[in-house]
């Protein structure tokens, strides 16, 4: 778990770059990732890395939304 915490800043940077790429695709119809890496297996690997980085942040997002934390309700007296 400590290793994942150490990778969080890198994962966040990769996710931001991926989000910027999808913004460019939506606004200007240009895919920077495929322009840089071509349209082959390397581009697919980059997309997988961005996806894995997004999955690394799911537990942090759940913690920030307090999802999955069960606190017992106080019973009325």
PDB file of N, CA and C in Angstrom:
ATOM      1  N   UNK A   1       0.812  -1.186   0.000  1.00  0.00           N
ATOM      2  CA  UNK A   1       0.000   0.000   0.000  1.00  0.00           C
ATOM      3  C   UNK A   1       0.860   1.255   0.000  1.00  0.00           C
ATOM      4  N   UNK A   2       2.009   1.180   0.641  1.00  0.00           N
ATOM      5  CA  UNK A   2       2.930   2.327   0.668  1.00  0.00           C
ATOM      6  C   UNK A   2       3.454   2.636  -0.732  1.00  0.00           C
ATOM      7  N   UNK A   3       3.652   1.609  -1.550  1.00  0.00           N
ATOM      8  CA  UNK A   3       4.127   1.823  -2.916  1.00  0.00           C
ATOM      9  C   UNK A   3       3.098   2.584  -3.730  1.00  0.00           C
ATOM     10  N   UNK A   4       1.835   2.257  -3.533  1.00  0.00           N
ATOM     11  CA  UNK A   4       0.784   2.958  -4.267  1.00  0.00           C
ATOM     12  C   UNK A   4       0.746   4.420  -3.853  1.00  0.00           C
ATOM     13  N   UNK A   5       0.926   4.688  -2.561  1.00  0.00           N
ATOM     14  CA  UNK A   5       0.937   6.083  -2.087  1.00  0.00           C
ATOM     15  C   UNK A   5       2.090   6.861  -2.722  1.00  0.00           C
ATOM     16  N   UNK A   6       3.218   6.201  -2.925  1.00  0.00           N
ATOM     17  CA  UNK A   6       4.367   6.874  -3.537  1.00  0.00           C
ATOM     18  C   UNK A   6       4.125   7.166  -5.015  1.00  0.00           C
ATOM     19  N   UNK A   7       3.313   6.341  -5.676  1.00  0.00           N
ATOM     20  CA  UNK A   7       3.038   6.520  -7.097  1.00  0.00           C
ATOM     21  C   UNK A   7       1.914   7.507  -7.369  1.00  0.00           C
ATOM     22  N   UNK A   8       1.209   7.949  -6.336  1.00  0.00           N
ATOM     23  CA  UNK A   8       0.060   8.830  -6.547  1.00  0.00           C
ATOM     24  C   UNK A   8       0.403  10.131  -7.273  1.00  0.00           C
ATOM     25  N   UNK A   9       1.503  10.829  -6.957  1.00  0.00           N
ATOM     26  CA  UNK A   9       1.795  12.051  -7.727  1.00  0.00           C
ATOM     27  C   UNK A   9       2.051  11.782  -9.202  1.00  0.00           C
ATOM     28  N   UNK A  10       2.716  10.670  -9.502  1.00  0.00           N
ATOM     29  CA  UNK A  10       2.981  10.313 -10.892  1.00  0.00           C
ATOM     30  C   UNK A  10       1.671   9.939 -11.579  1.00  0.00           C
ATOM     31  N   UNK A  11       0.837   9.168 -10.878  1.00  0.00           N
ATOM     32  CA  UNK A  11      -0.452   8.779 -11.442  1.00  0.00           C
ATOM     33  C   UNK A  11      -1.320  10.005 -11.704  1.00  0.00           C
ATOM     34  N   UNK A  12      -1.276  10.966 -10.801  1.00  0.00           N
ATOM     35  CA  UNK A  12      -2.057  12.188 -10.996  1.00  0.00           C
ATOM     36  C   UNK A  12      -1.569  12.950 -12.227  1.00  0.00           C
ATOM     37  N   UNK A  13      -0.267  13.048 -12.406  1.00  0.00           N
ATOM     38  CA  UNK A  13       0.278  13.740 -13.577  1.00  0.00           C
ATOM     39  C   UNK A  13      -0.113  13.036 -14.867  1.00  0.00           C
ATOM     40  N   UNK A  14      -0.058  11.708 -14.875  1.00  0.00           N
ATOM     41  CA  UNK A  14      -0.442  10.946 -16.066  1.00  0.00           C
ATOM     42  C   UNK A  14      -1.925  11.134 -16.357  1.00  0.00           C
ATOM     43  N   UNK A  15      -2.756  11.149 -15.301  1.00  0.00           N
ATOM     44  CA  UNK A  15      -4.189  11.356 -15.507  1.00  0.00           C
ATOM     45  C   UNK A  15      -4.475  12.747 -16.059  1.00  0.00           C
ATOM     46  N   UNK A  16      -3.766  13.749 -15.577  1.00  0.00           N
ATOM     47  CA  UNK A  16      -3.967  15.111 -16.085  1.00  0.00           C
ATOM     48  C   UNK A  16      -3.578  15.184 -17.557  1.00  0.00           C
ATOM     49  N   UNK A  17      -2.456  14.564 -17.913  1.00  0.00           N
ATOM     50  CA  UNK A  17      -2.051  14.549 -19.319  1.00  0.00           C
ATOM     51  C   UNK A  17      -3.069  13.804 -20.182  1.00  0.00           C
ATOM     52  N   UNK A  18      -3.600  12.703 -19.667  1.00  0.00           N
ATOM     53  CA  UNK A  18      -4.632  11.975 -20.404  1.00  0.00           C
ATOM     54  C   UNK A  18      -5.898  12.805 -20.572  1.00  0.00           C
ATOM     55  N   UNK A  19      -6.273  13.530 -19.517  1.00  0.00           N
ATOM     56  CA  UNK A  19      -7.460  14.384 -19.603  1.00  0.00           C
ATOM     57  C   UNK A  19      -7.241  15.519 -20.596  1.00  0.00           C
ATOM     58  N   UNK A  20      -6.050  16.090 -20.597  1.00  0.00           N
ATOM     59  CA  UNK A  20      -5.748  17.143 -21.575  1.00  0.00           C
ATOM     60  C   UNK A  20      -5.801  16.599 -22.990  1.00  0.00           C
ATOM     61  N   UNK A  21      -5.317  15.367 -23.178  1.00  0.00           N
ATOM     62  CA  UNK A  21      -5.367  14.753 -24.499  1.00  0.00           C
ATOM     63  C   UNK A  21      -6.812  14.579 -24.950  1.00  0.00           C
ATOM     64  N   UNK A  22      -7.685  14.080 -24.062  1.00  0.00           N
ATOM     65  CA  UNK A  22      -9.082  13.900 -24.450  1.00  0.00           C
ATOM     66  C   UNK A  22      -9.769  15.237 -24.666  1.00  0.00           C
ATOM     67  N   UNK A  23      -9.346  16.265 -23.952  1.00  0.00           N
ATOM     68  CA  UNK A  23      -9.874  17.604 -24.224  1.00  0.00           C
ATOM     69  C   UNK A  23      -9.495  18.088 -25.609  1.00  0.00           C
ATOM     70  N   UNK A  24      -8.254  17.805 -26.004  1.00  0.00           N
ATOM     71  CA  UNK A  24      -7.810  18.178 -27.350  1.00  0.00           C
ATOM     72  C   UNK A  24      -8.582  17.399 -28.416  1.00  0.00           C
ATOM     73  N   UNK A  25      -8.864  16.123 -28.132  1.00  0.00           N
ATOM     74  CA  UNK A  25      -9.635  15.328 -29.082  1.00  0.00           C
ATOM     75  C   UNK A  25     -11.041  15.900 -29.230  1.00  0.00           C
ATOM     76  N   UNK A  26     -11.657  16.257 -28.120  1.00  0.00           N
ATOM     77  CA  UNK A  26     -13.010  16.771 -28.172  1.00  0.00           C
ATOM     78  C   UNK A  26     -13.114  18.155 -28.794  1.00  0.00           C
ATOM     79  N   UNK A  27     -12.164  19.028 -28.491  1.00  0.00           N
ATOM     80  CA  UNK A  27     -12.245  20.402 -28.973  1.00  0.00           C
ATOM     81  C   UNK A  27     -11.697  20.596 -30.379  1.00  0.00           C
ATOM     82  N   UNK A  28     -10.566  19.965 -30.652  1.00  0.00           N
ATOM     83  CA  UNK A  28      -9.859  20.259 -31.899  1.00  0.00           C
ATOM     84  C   UNK A  28      -9.696  19.056 -32.816  1.00  0.00           C
ATOM     85  N   UNK A  29     -10.243  17.900 -32.418  1.00  0.00           N
ATOM     86  CA  UNK A  29     -10.169  16.671 -33.207  1.00  0.00           C
ATOM     87  C   UNK A  29      -8.731  16.298 -33.548  1.00  0.00           C
ATOM     88  N   UNK A  30      -7.837  16.521 -32.602  1.00  0.00           N
ATOM     89  CA  UNK A  30      -6.444  16.097 -32.765  1.00  0.00           C
ATOM     90  C   UNK A  30      -6.029  15.289 -31.547  1.00  0.00           C
ATOM     91  N   UNK A  31      -5.480  14.107 -31.781  1.00  0.00           N
ATOM     92  CA  UNK A  31      -5.062  13.212 -30.718  1.00  0.00           C
ATOM     93  C   UNK A  31      -3.554  13.331 -30.560  1.00  0.00           C
ATOM     94  N   UNK A  32      -3.133  14.002 -29.510  1.00  0.00           N
ATOM     95  CA  UNK A  32      -1.710  14.262 -29.292  1.00  0.00           C
ATOM     96  C   UNK A  32      -0.949  12.966 -29.051  1.00  0.00           C
ATOM     97  N   UNK A  33      -1.563  12.023 -28.324  1.00  0.00           N
ATOM     98  CA  UNK A  33      -0.893  10.751 -28.036  1.00  0.00           C
ATOM     99  C   UNK A  33      -0.592   9.992 -29.316  1.00  0.00           C
ATOM    100  N   UNK A  34      -1.560   9.892 -30.205  1.00  0.00           N
ATOM    101  CA  UNK A  34      -1.305   9.175 -31.455  1.00  0.00           C
ATOM    102  C   UNK A  34      -0.389   9.978 -32.379  1.00  0.00           C
ATOM    103  N   UNK A  35      -0.390  11.308 -32.275  1.00  0.00           N
ATOM    104  CA  UNK A  35       0.554  12.107 -33.063  1.00  0.00           C
ATOM    105  C   UNK A  35       1.990  11.875 -32.599  1.00  0.00           C
ATOM    106  N   UNK A  36       2.168  11.711 -31.295  1.00  0.00           N
ATOM    107  CA  UNK A  36       3.522  11.518 -30.754  1.00  0.00           C
ATOM    108  C   UNK A  36       3.987  10.080 -30.933  1.00  0.00           C
ATOM    109  N   UNK A  37       3.127   9.106 -30.616  1.00  0.00           N
ATOM    110  CA  UNK A  37       3.540   7.707 -30.594  1.00  0.00           C
ATOM    111  C   UNK A  37       3.115   6.916 -31.819  1.00  0.00           C
ATOM    112  N   UNK A  38       2.389   7.516 -32.746  1.00  0.00           N
ATOM    113  CA  UNK A  38       1.923   6.777 -33.913  1.00  0.00           C
ATOM    114  C   UNK A  38       0.635   6.044 -33.597  1.00  0.00           C
ATOM    115  N   UNK A  39       0.211   5.212 -34.511  1.00  0.00           N
ATOM    116  CA  UNK A  39      -1.051   4.495 -34.316  1.00  0.00           C
ATOM    117  C   UNK A  39      -0.795   3.003 -34.180  1.00  0.00           C
ATOM    118  N   UNK A  40       0.046   2.644 -33.247  1.00  0.00           N
ATOM    119  CA  UNK A  40       0.383   1.243 -33.078  1.00  0.00           C
ATOM    120  C   UNK A  40       0.214   0.785 -31.645  1.00  0.00           C
ATOM    121  N   UNK A  41       0.955  -0.238 -31.317  1.00  0.00           N
ATOM    122  CA  UNK A  41       0.863  -0.847 -30.006  1.00  0.00           C
ATOM    123  C   UNK A  41       1.318   0.104 -28.907  1.00  0.00           C
ATOM    124  N   UNK A  42       2.302   0.938 -29.169  1.00  0.00           N
ATOM    125  CA  UNK A  42       2.803   1.856 -28.146  1.00  0.00           C
ATOM    126  C   UNK A  42       1.716   2.826 -27.701  1.00  0.00           C
ATOM    127  N   UNK A  43       0.888   3.280 -28.625  1.00  0.00           N
ATOM    128  CA  UNK A  43      -0.231   4.155 -28.267  1.00  0.00           C
ATOM    129  C   UNK A  43      -1.210   3.417 -27.369  1.00  0.00           C
ATOM    130  N   UNK A  44      -1.482   2.161 -27.674  1.00  0.00           N
ATOM    131  CA  UNK A  44      -2.375   1.367 -26.828  1.00  0.00           C
ATOM    132  C   UNK A  44      -1.797   1.194 -25.431  1.00  0.00           C
ATOM    133  N   UNK A  45      -0.501   0.983 -25.337  1.00  0.00           N
ATOM    134  CA  UNK A  45       0.162   0.849 -24.033  1.00  0.00           C
ATOM    135  C   UNK A  45       0.031   2.144 -23.233  1.00  0.00           C
ATOM    136  N   UNK A  46       0.185   3.284 -23.888  1.00  0.00           N
ATOM    137  CA  UNK A  46       0.039   4.570 -23.202  1.00  0.00           C
ATOM    138  C   UNK A  46      -1.384   4.719 -22.670  1.00  0.00           C
ATOM    139  N   UNK A  47      -2.383   4.342 -23.469  1.00  0.00           N
ATOM    140  CA  UNK A  47      -3.769   4.419 -23.005  1.00  0.00           C
ATOM    141  C   UNK A  47      -4.011   3.494 -21.803  1.00  0.00           C
ATOM    142  N   UNK A  48      -3.414   2.308 -21.825  1.00  0.00           N
ATOM    143  CA  UNK A  48      -3.553   1.378 -20.704  1.00  0.00           C
ATOM    144  C   UNK A  48      -2.914   1.973 -19.450  1.00  0.00           C
ATOM    145  N   UNK A  49      -1.762   2.601 -19.602  1.00  0.00           N
ATOM    146  CA  UNK A  49      -1.091   3.222 -18.456  1.00  0.00           C
ATOM    147  C   UNK A  49      -1.964   4.330 -17.868  1.00  0.00           C
ATOM    148  N   UNK A  50      -2.576   5.145 -18.714  1.00  0.00           N
ATOM    149  CA  UNK A  50      -3.472   6.200 -18.234  1.00  0.00           C
ATOM    150  C   UNK A  50      -4.661   5.587 -17.504  1.00  0.00           C
ATOM    151  N   UNK A  51      -5.202   4.501 -18.032  1.00  0.00           N
ATOM    152  CA  UNK A  51      -6.324   3.831 -17.380  1.00  0.00           C
ATOM    153  C   UNK A  51      -5.956   3.245 -16.032  1.00  0.00           C
ATOM    154  N   UNK A  52      -4.787   2.624 -15.941  1.00  0.00           N
ATOM    155  CA  UNK A  52      -4.327   2.058 -14.665  1.00  0.00           C
ATOM    156  C   UNK A  52      -4.107   3.168 -13.647  1.00  0.00           C
ATOM    157  N   UNK A  53      -3.567   4.288 -14.091  1.00  0.00           N
ATOM    158  CA  UNK A  53      -3.373   5.420 -13.182  1.00  0.00           C
ATOM    159  C   UNK A  53      -4.714   5.932 -12.671  1.00  0.00           C
ATOM    160  N   UNK A  54      -5.727   5.926 -13.520  1.00  0.00           N
ATOM    161  CA  UNK A  54      -7.058   6.306 -13.073  1.00  0.00           C
ATOM    162  C   UNK A  54      -7.600   5.336 -12.034  1.00  0.00           C
ATOM    163  N   UNK A  55      -7.359   4.047 -12.229  1.00  0.00           N
ATOM    164  CA  UNK A  55      -7.819   3.053 -11.262  1.00  0.00           C
ATOM    165  C   UNK A  55      -7.091   3.164  -9.930  1.00  0.00           C
ATOM    166  N   UNK A  56      -5.840   3.613  -9.957  1.00  0.00           N
ATOM    167  CA  UNK A  56      -5.105   3.799  -8.708  1.00  0.00           C
ATOM    168  C   UNK A  56      -5.742   4.871  -7.839  1.00  0.00           C
ATOM    169  N   UNK A  57      -6.445   5.799  -8.449  1.00  0.00           N
ATOM    170  CA  UNK A  57      -7.057   6.889  -7.702  1.00  0.00           C
ATOM    171  C   UNK A  57      -8.461   6.578  -7.208  1.00  0.00           C
ATOM    172  N   UNK A  58      -9.045   5.456  -7.583  1.00  0.00           N
ATOM    173  CA  UNK A  58     -10.396   5.120  -7.135  1.00  0.00           C
ATOM    174  C   UNK A  58     -10.488   5.023  -5.610  1.00  0.00           C
ATOM    175  N   UNK A  59      -9.572   4.318  -4.916  1.00  0.00           N
ATOM    176  CA  UNK A  59      -9.676   4.273  -3.447  1.00  0.00           C
ATOM    177  C   UNK A  59      -9.583   5.660  -2.806  1.00  0.00           C
ATOM    178  N   UNK A  60      -8.734   6.507  -3.333  1.00  0.00           N
ATOM    179  CA  UNK A  60      -8.608   7.856  -2.782  1.00  0.00           C
ATOM    180  C   UNK A  60      -9.906   8.645  -2.980  1.00  0.00           C
ATOM    181  N   UNK A  61     -10.528   8.478  -4.144  1.00  0.00           N
ATOM    182  CA  UNK A  61     -11.781   9.165  -4.412  1.00  0.00           C
ATOM    183  C   UNK A  61     -12.878   8.657  -3.482  1.00  0.00           C
ATOM    184  N   UNK A  62     -12.935   7.350  -3.265  1.00  0.00           N
ATOM    185  CA  UNK A  62     -13.929   6.800  -2.354  1.00  0.00           C
ATOM    186  C   UNK A  62     -13.727   7.306  -0.940  1.00  0.00           C
ATOM    187  N   UNK A  63     -12.475   7.436  -0.515  1.00  0.00           N
ATOM    188  CA  UNK A  63     -12.194   7.986   0.808  1.00  0.00           C
ATOM    189  C   UNK A  63     -12.631   9.437   0.913  1.00  0.00           C
ATOM    190  N   UNK A  64     -12.405  10.205  -0.133  1.00  0.00           N
ATOM    191  CA  UNK A  64     -12.769  11.615  -0.065  1.00  0.00           C
ATOM    192  C   UNK A  64     -14.282  11.807  -0.074  1.00  0.00           C
ATOM    193  N   UNK A  65     -15.023  10.882  -0.671  1.00  0.00           N
ATOM    194  CA  UNK A  65     -16.481  10.956  -0.663  1.00  0.00           C
ATOM    195  C   UNK A  65     -17.088  10.194   0.515  1.00  0.00           C
ATOM    196  N   UNK A  66     -16.229   9.604   1.340  1.00  0.00           N
ATOM    197  CA  UNK A  66     -16.647   8.818   2.508  1.00  0.00           C
ATOM    198  C   UNK A  66     -17.560   7.671   2.104  1.00  0.00           C
ATOM    199  N   UNK A  67     -17.250   7.045   0.989  1.00  0.00           N
ATOM    200  CA  UNK A  67     -18.000   5.886   0.517  1.00  0.00           C
ATOM    201  C   UNK A  67     -17.271   4.640   1.005  1.00  0.00           C
ATOM    202  N   UNK A  68     -18.006   3.742   1.560  1.00  0.00           N
ATOM    203  CA  UNK A  68     -17.410   2.507   2.049  1.00  0.00           C
ATOM    204  C   UNK A  68     -17.063   2.563   3.525  1.00  0.00           C
ATOM    205  N   UNK A  69     -17.208   3.711   4.153  1.00  0.00           N
ATOM    206  CA  UNK A  69     -16.976   3.833   5.586  1.00  0.00           C
ATOM    207  C   UNK A  69     -18.311   3.731   6.285  1.00  0.00           C
ATOM    208  N   UNK A  70     -18.470   2.712   7.059  1.00  0.00           N
ATOM    209  CA  UNK A  70     -19.726   2.527   7.762  1.00  0.00           C
ATOM    210  C   UNK A  70     -19.522   2.938   9.215  1.00  0.00           C
ATOM    211  N   UNK A  71     -20.275   3.916   9.619  1.00  0.00           N
ATOM    212  CA  UNK A  71     -20.253   4.326  11.023  1.00  0.00           C
ATOM    213  C   UNK A  71     -21.599   3.978  11.623  1.00  0.00           C
ATOM    214  N   UNK A  72     -21.607   3.349  12.764  1.00  0.00           N
ATOM    215  CA  UNK A  72     -22.875   2.958  13.367  1.00  0.00           C
ATOM    216  C   UNK A  72     -23.704   4.177  13.751  1.00  0.00           C
ATOM    217  N   UNK A  73     -24.983   4.073  13.529  1.00  0.00           N
ATOM    218  CA  UNK A  73     -25.907   5.142  13.881  1.00  0.00           C
ATOM    219  C   UNK A  73     -26.188   5.074  15.391  1.00  0.00           C
ATOM    220  N   UNK A  74     -26.306   6.229  16.005  1.00  0.00           N
ATOM    221  CA  UNK A  74     -26.664   6.270  17.425  1.00  0.00           C
ATOM    222  C   UNK A  74     -28.133   5.907  17.565  1.00  0.00           C
ATOM    223  N   UNK A  75     -28.410   5.034  18.480  1.00  0.00           N
ATOM    224  CA  UNK A  75     -29.794   4.615  18.703  1.00  0.00           C
ATOM    225  C   UNK A  75     -30.484   5.593  19.631  1.00  0.00           C
ATOM    226  N   UNK A  76     -31.714   5.812  19.353  1.00  0.00           N
ATOM    227  CA  UNK A  76     -32.503   6.711  20.198  1.00  0.00           C
ATOM    228  C   UNK A  76     -32.703   6.164  21.599  1.00  0.00           C
ATOM    229  N   UNK A  77     -32.801   7.032  22.567  1.00  0.00           N
ATOM    230  CA  UNK A  77     -32.996   6.556  23.944  1.00  0.00           C
ATOM    231  C   UNK A  77     -34.410   6.754  24.398  1.00  0.00           C
TER     232      UNK A  77
END
